[in-house]
């Protein structure tokens, strides 16, 4: 799951200065060039599992966690996971960077041994939050009046208050499922088979944003249920995984991002961020970008 951090939780969030901070923090892939994510000021999110929750006193609790698969280190290199030696029933999965490594060392004493563990992992595995400093614009992509990289908050600078807030849910999982049924319920990287392009109805559209416009307010989190997390463990090889699907997967379209910004600016509010059950909150076609350098195998 990937979550985008946009808002300031302090009282100053309601000030004009804080609202102006909605402008450039993070640009997201091909949207980095247009300034959409920069203007949102988000720090994006990756893989989230939407699990059944329990309801108490009118509240619904959704567990976004899952066990992080860990592996023993290769004997030849302690920084490389041995994918044939998982701890427990850890399953390989697609993600940025190497799989997590858990190494256990033993320090003997006369009465027994101390067991010391060392964990090596990439920060983008599993459910996580991208800080506003996740992307650093260059001189070409930074908008006029944008927040320079050295002024964007890192994770250690975010408070718990800034990461907690009411949610506004956009659920397009039924539309996604209907599109997948064209191919027996499975995604295809070929948009002629399953189409999750930005022009299709199978991504988050401006009308989806309009439908929740009255609930967009300071401090809320926009949560996207795409119904995509079920493909997470289908193939551990990043570029062959149906989860990545050749960057043909649902998410926010550029037009939806523009509409979200328009509504926030018109209302004078700023959401805290965006969450999705996918590798990113934007669509795969938005993720590719015009140069494709980072999305090539």
Protein backbone atom coordinates (compact mmCIF):
# COMPACT_ATOMS: atom_id res chain seq x y z
CA UNK A 1 0.00 0.00 0.00
CA UNK A 2 1.23 3.41 -0.70
CA UNK A 3 0.10 6.44 1.28
CA UNK A 4 0.68 10.03 0.25
CA UNK A 5 1.26 12.58 2.94
CA UNK A 6 -0.12 16.02 2.10
CA UNK A 7 -1.39 17.92 5.12
CA UNK A 8 0.00 19.65 8.16
CA UNK A 9 -1.85 18.57 11.28
CA UNK A 10 -1.08 21.65 13.33
CA UNK A 11 -3.50 24.54 13.59
CA UNK A 12 -1.43 26.46 11.07
CA UNK A 13 -2.67 23.97 8.48
CA UNK A 14 -5.73 26.21 8.13
CA UNK A 15 -3.61 29.25 7.34
CA UNK A 16 -2.98 30.55 3.85
CA UNK A 17 0.69 29.72 4.17
CA UNK A 18 -0.07 26.11 4.98
CA UNK A 19 -2.54 25.82 2.12
CA UNK A 20 0.10 27.14 -0.25
CA UNK A 21 2.26 24.22 0.85
CA UNK A 22 -0.11 22.03 -1.15
CA UNK A 23 1.95 23.17 -4.08
CA UNK A 24 5.08 21.27 -5.02
CA UNK A 25 6.35 18.67 -2.65
CA UNK A 26 6.36 15.53 -4.69
CA UNK A 27 5.96 14.86 -8.37
CA UNK A 28 4.82 11.41 -9.25
CA UNK A 29 6.43 9.86 -12.33
CA UNK A 30 4.90 11.34 -15.49
CA UNK A 31 2.84 13.64 -13.26
CA UNK A 32 6.11 15.00 -11.86
CA UNK A 33 6.48 16.86 -15.14
CA UNK A 34 3.01 18.41 -14.97
CA UNK A 35 3.23 19.33 -11.31
CA UNK A 36 0.12 17.41 -10.27
CA UNK A 37 1.71 15.51 -7.40
CA UNK A 38 3.92 18.44 -6.60
CA UNK A 39 0.89 20.60 -6.09
CA UNK A 40 -0.78 17.96 -3.99
CA UNK A 41 2.25 17.87 -1.77
CA UNK A 42 1.91 14.15 -1.26
CA UNK A 43 4.30 11.49 -0.20
CA UNK A 44 3.03 8.39 -1.92
CA UNK A 45 2.20 4.90 -0.75
CA UNK A 46 2.69 1.29 -1.99
CA UNK A 47 1.24 -2.12 -1.13
CA UNK A 48 -1.77 -2.37 1.18
CA UNK A 49 -3.92 -5.33 2.02
CA UNK A 50 -7.51 -4.35 2.74
CA UNK A 51 -8.57 -7.03 5.20
CA UNK A 52 -12.02 -7.52 6.73
CA UNK A 53 -12.37 -5.39 9.85
CA UNK A 54 -14.62 -5.32 12.88
CA UNK A 55 -17.18 -2.65 13.69
CA UNK A 56 -17.56 -1.16 17.15
CA UNK A 57 -19.65 1.85 18.08
CA UNK A 58 -20.11 2.74 14.42
CA UNK A 59 -16.39 2.62 13.64
CA UNK A 60 -14.80 0.26 11.13
CA UNK A 61 -11.25 -0.94 11.66
CA UNK A 62 -9.32 -2.04 8.58
CA UNK A 63 -6.08 -3.94 9.07
CA UNK A 64 -3.55 -2.76 6.47
CA UNK A 65 -0.76 -4.99 7.72
CA UNK A 66 0.59 -8.34 6.65
CA UNK A 67 3.69 -10.32 7.67
CA UNK A 68 6.83 -9.10 5.94
CA UNK A 69 8.56 -12.13 4.36
CA UNK A 70 12.18 -12.42 5.52
CA UNK A 71 15.02 -14.63 4.29
CA UNK A 72 18.38 -15.78 5.52
CA UNK A 73 21.44 -14.08 4.06
CA UNK A 74 23.54 -15.76 1.42
CA UNK A 75 26.70 -17.25 2.85
CA UNK A 76 28.73 -15.43 0.19
CA UNK A 77 27.18 -11.99 0.91
CA UNK A 78 25.37 -10.92 4.11
CA UNK A 79 23.53 -8.18 2.20
CA UNK A 80 21.96 -10.52 -0.36
CA UNK A 81 18.91 -12.62 0.62
CA UNK A 82 18.96 -16.35 -0.05
CA UNK A 83 15.51 -16.77 -1.58
CA UNK A 84 15.75 -20.53 -1.07
CA UNK A 85 16.03 -20.03 2.71
CA UNK A 86 12.95 -18.20 4.02
CA UNK A 87 12.26 -17.74 7.73
CA UNK A 88 9.01 -19.54 8.44
CA UNK A 89 6.61 -19.62 5.50
CA UNK A 90 7.81 -16.33 3.98
CA UNK A 91 6.78 -15.99 0.34
CA UNK A 92 8.62 -13.98 -2.28
CA UNK A 93 6.79 -10.93 -3.62
CA UNK A 94 7.37 -8.10 -6.10
CA UNK A 95 8.74 -4.84 -4.73
CA UNK A 96 11.42 -2.21 -4.96
CA UNK A 97 14.82 -3.37 -3.73
CA UNK A 98 15.87 -6.74 -2.33
CA UNK A 99 13.80 -8.92 -0.04
CA UNK A 100 14.25 -8.49 3.71
CA UNK A 101 17.16 -10.33 5.35
CA UNK A 102 17.13 -11.54 8.94
CA UNK A 103 20.48 -12.79 10.23
CA UNK A 104 20.86 -14.38 13.66
CA UNK A 105 24.29 -14.39 15.34
CA UNK A 106 25.17 -16.29 18.50
CA UNK A 107 27.35 -14.95 21.31
CA UNK A 108 28.30 -17.77 23.71
CA UNK A 109 28.63 -17.44 27.47
CA UNK A 110 29.30 -20.03 30.21
CA UNK A 111 25.57 -20.24 30.94
CA UNK A 112 24.24 -20.16 27.39
CA UNK A 113 24.14 -18.07 24.24
CA UNK A 114 22.90 -14.60 23.43
CA UNK A 115 21.12 -14.55 20.09
CA UNK A 116 21.52 -11.26 18.22
CA UNK A 117 19.41 -10.42 15.18
CA UNK A 118 20.14 -8.04 12.33
CA UNK A 119 17.42 -6.98 9.89
CA UNK A 120 18.20 -5.54 6.43
CA UNK A 121 15.26 -4.37 4.34
CA UNK A 122 14.17 -1.84 1.75
CA UNK A 123 11.77 0.76 3.11
CA UNK A 124 9.29 0.27 0.25
CA UNK A 125 8.36 -3.30 1.14
CA UNK A 126 4.87 -3.87 2.44
CA UNK A 127 2.48 -1.26 3.79
CA UNK A 128 4.35 1.99 4.19
CA UNK A 129 4.24 5.77 3.89
CA UNK A 130 6.37 7.87 1.56
CA UNK A 131 7.48 11.09 3.20
CA UNK A 132 7.25 14.44 1.35
CA UNK A 133 11.02 14.16 0.83
CA UNK A 134 10.54 10.92 -1.15
CA UNK A 135 11.01 12.73 -4.45
CA UNK A 136 13.45 15.59 -5.04
CA UNK A 137 12.59 17.67 -8.08
CA UNK A 138 15.29 18.93 -10.38
CA UNK A 139 15.34 22.51 -11.66
CA UNK A 140 13.24 21.56 -14.67
CA UNK A 141 10.38 19.85 -12.83
CA UNK A 142 10.09 22.09 -9.75
CA UNK A 143 7.14 24.43 -10.13
CA UNK A 144 7.45 28.16 -9.55
CA UNK A 145 7.00 28.74 -5.84
CA UNK A 146 7.51 25.06 -5.16
CA UNK A 147 9.00 23.72 -1.93
CA UNK A 148 12.71 22.90 -2.42
CA UNK A 149 13.82 19.38 -1.58
CA UNK A 150 15.79 20.48 1.49
CA UNK A 151 12.59 21.93 3.03
CA UNK A 152 10.43 18.83 2.59
CA UNK A 153 9.81 16.72 5.65
CA UNK A 154 11.41 13.31 6.07
CA UNK A 155 9.70 10.46 7.91
CA UNK A 156 11.39 11.20 11.23
CA UNK A 157 9.97 14.73 11.10
CA UNK A 158 6.35 13.64 10.71
CA UNK A 159 4.27 13.43 13.87
CA UNK A 160 1.66 10.79 14.71
CA UNK A 161 -0.96 13.53 14.50
CA UNK A 162 -0.01 14.17 10.88
CA UNK A 163 -0.53 10.51 10.02
CA UNK A 164 -3.95 10.11 11.64
CA UNK A 165 -7.26 11.42 10.38
CA UNK A 166 -10.74 10.63 9.04
CA UNK A 167 -10.93 8.78 5.72
CA UNK A 168 -12.87 9.49 2.56
CA UNK A 169 -13.29 6.27 0.58
CA UNK A 170 -13.36 5.94 -3.19
CA UNK A 171 -14.14 2.33 -4.15
CA UNK A 172 -13.74 1.38 -7.82
CA UNK A 173 -13.08 -2.31 -7.13
CA UNK A 174 -16.28 -3.40 -8.90
CA UNK A 175 -15.31 -1.55 -12.09
CA UNK A 176 -11.84 -3.08 -11.92
CA UNK A 177 -13.30 -6.57 -11.38
CA UNK A 178 -15.63 -6.14 -14.36
CA UNK A 179 -12.68 -5.23 -16.58
CA UNK A 180 -10.69 -8.22 -15.32
CA UNK A 181 -13.60 -10.53 -16.16
CA UNK A 182 -12.84 -9.83 -19.84
CA UNK A 183 -9.75 -11.99 -19.27
CA UNK A 184 -11.06 -14.59 -16.85
CA UNK A 185 -10.38 -12.43 -13.79
CA UNK A 186 -6.67 -11.96 -14.54
CA UNK A 187 -4.88 -8.75 -15.57
CA UNK A 188 -3.04 -8.51 -18.87
CA UNK A 189 -0.33 -5.94 -19.69
CA UNK A 190 -2.01 -5.57 -23.10
CA UNK A 191 -4.61 -2.79 -22.84
CA UNK A 192 -6.52 -4.45 -25.67
CA UNK A 193 -7.21 -7.29 -23.23
CA UNK A 194 -7.60 -5.43 -19.92
CA UNK A 195 -7.56 -1.66 -20.20
CA UNK A 196 -6.38 0.42 -17.22
CA UNK A 197 -5.15 3.35 -19.27
CA UNK A 198 -5.85 6.87 -18.06
CA UNK A 199 -8.50 7.27 -20.75
CA UNK A 200 -10.42 4.18 -19.61
CA UNK A 201 -13.26 4.13 -17.04
CA UNK A 202 -11.27 1.60 -15.00
CA UNK A 203 -9.12 4.10 -13.12
CA UNK A 204 -10.09 6.83 -10.63
CA UNK A 205 -11.74 9.53 -12.74
CA UNK A 206 -12.64 13.20 -12.03
CA UNK A 207 -16.26 12.17 -11.46
CA UNK A 208 -15.09 9.87 -8.65
CA UNK A 209 -13.48 12.88 -6.99
CA UNK A 210 -16.63 14.96 -7.53
CA UNK A 211 -18.69 12.28 -5.81
CA UNK A 212 -16.80 12.80 -2.53
CA UNK A 213 -16.10 16.54 -2.90
CA UNK A 214 -18.40 17.49 -0.02
CA UNK A 215 -16.35 15.29 2.35
CA UNK A 216 -12.92 16.62 1.41
CA UNK A 217 -11.63 18.68 4.30
CA UNK A 218 -8.48 19.55 6.20
CA UNK A 219 -6.75 16.49 7.62
CA UNK A 220 -8.70 13.74 5.86
CA UNK A 221 -7.08 10.81 4.06
CA UNK A 222 -8.38 9.88 0.62
CA UNK A 223 -8.44 6.05 0.51
CA UNK A 224 -8.66 4.25 -2.83
CA UNK A 225 -9.96 0.67 -2.84
CA UNK A 226 -8.90 -0.67 -6.23
CA UNK A 227 -9.27 -4.37 -5.47
CA UNK A 228 -5.70 -4.91 -6.70
CA UNK A 229 -3.86 -6.17 -3.62
CA UNK A 230 -5.00 -9.76 -4.30
CA UNK A 231 -2.33 -10.02 -7.00
CA UNK A 232 0.53 -9.13 -4.64
CA UNK A 233 1.89 -12.64 -4.09
CA UNK A 234 1.11 -14.04 -7.56
CA UNK A 235 4.66 -13.71 -8.94
CA UNK A 236 7.81 -12.62 -7.07
CA UNK A 237 9.49 -11.22 -10.17
CA UNK A 238 8.77 -7.51 -10.29
CA UNK A 239 8.34 -6.99 -14.03
CA UNK A 240 6.57 -10.32 -14.61
CA UNK A 241 4.12 -9.93 -11.74
CA UNK A 242 0.39 -9.42 -12.47
CA UNK A 243 0.58 -6.95 -9.59
CA UNK A 244 2.79 -4.67 -11.69
CA UNK A 245 1.18 -5.95 -14.93
CA UNK A 246 3.51 -4.11 -17.28
CA UNK A 247 2.44 -0.85 -15.61
CA UNK A 248 -1.14 -1.46 -16.75
CA UNK A 249 -2.92 -1.21 -13.40
CA UNK A 250 -5.60 1.04 -11.85
CA UNK A 251 -5.01 4.14 -9.78
CA UNK A 252 -5.55 7.89 -9.94
CA UNK A 253 -5.66 9.32 -13.44
CA UNK A 254 -3.99 12.70 -14.10
CA UNK A 255 -7.43 14.22 -14.67
CA UNK A 256 -8.56 13.01 -11.24
CA UNK A 257 -5.47 14.53 -9.62
CA UNK A 258 -6.20 17.86 -11.32
CA UNK A 259 -9.80 17.74 -10.15
CA UNK A 260 -8.75 16.96 -6.58
CA UNK A 261 -6.45 19.97 -6.58
CA UNK A 262 -9.16 22.21 -8.03
CA UNK A 263 -11.61 21.20 -5.30
CA UNK A 264 -9.09 21.65 -2.48
CA UNK A 265 -8.09 25.09 -3.74
CA UNK A 266 -11.72 26.14 -4.23
CA UNK A 267 -12.65 25.01 -0.70
CA UNK A 268 -9.42 26.28 0.86
CA UNK A 269 -8.69 22.89 2.42
CA UNK A 270 -5.85 20.43 2.35
CA UNK A 271 -6.12 16.70 2.75
CA UNK A 272 -3.48 14.81 4.72
CA UNK A 273 -2.72 12.28 2.01
CA UNK A 274 -3.80 9.45 -0.27
CA UNK A 275 -3.79 5.69 0.38
CA UNK A 276 -4.20 2.85 -2.13
CA UNK A 277 -4.03 -0.95 -2.14
CA UNK A 278 -1.46 -0.90 -4.89
CA UNK A 279 2.20 -0.28 -5.62
CA UNK A 280 1.40 3.42 -6.02
CA UNK A 281 -1.63 5.67 -5.80
CA UNK A 282 -1.44 6.73 -9.43
CA UNK A 283 -2.30 4.54 -12.40
CA UNK A 284 0.37 2.38 -14.00
CA UNK A 285 0.26 4.47 -17.15
CA UNK A 286 0.94 7.59 -15.08
CA UNK A 287 3.77 5.75 -13.32
CA UNK A 288 5.60 4.99 -16.55
CA UNK A 289 6.48 8.59 -17.35
CA UNK A 290 7.64 9.85 -20.74
CA UNK A 291 11.21 8.54 -20.44
CA UNK A 292 10.41 5.08 -18.95
CA UNK A 293 13.95 4.90 -17.53
CA UNK A 294 12.98 3.67 -14.08
CA UNK A 295 10.18 1.37 -15.26
CA UNK A 296 12.24 -0.76 -17.65
CA UNK A 297 13.24 -4.29 -16.61
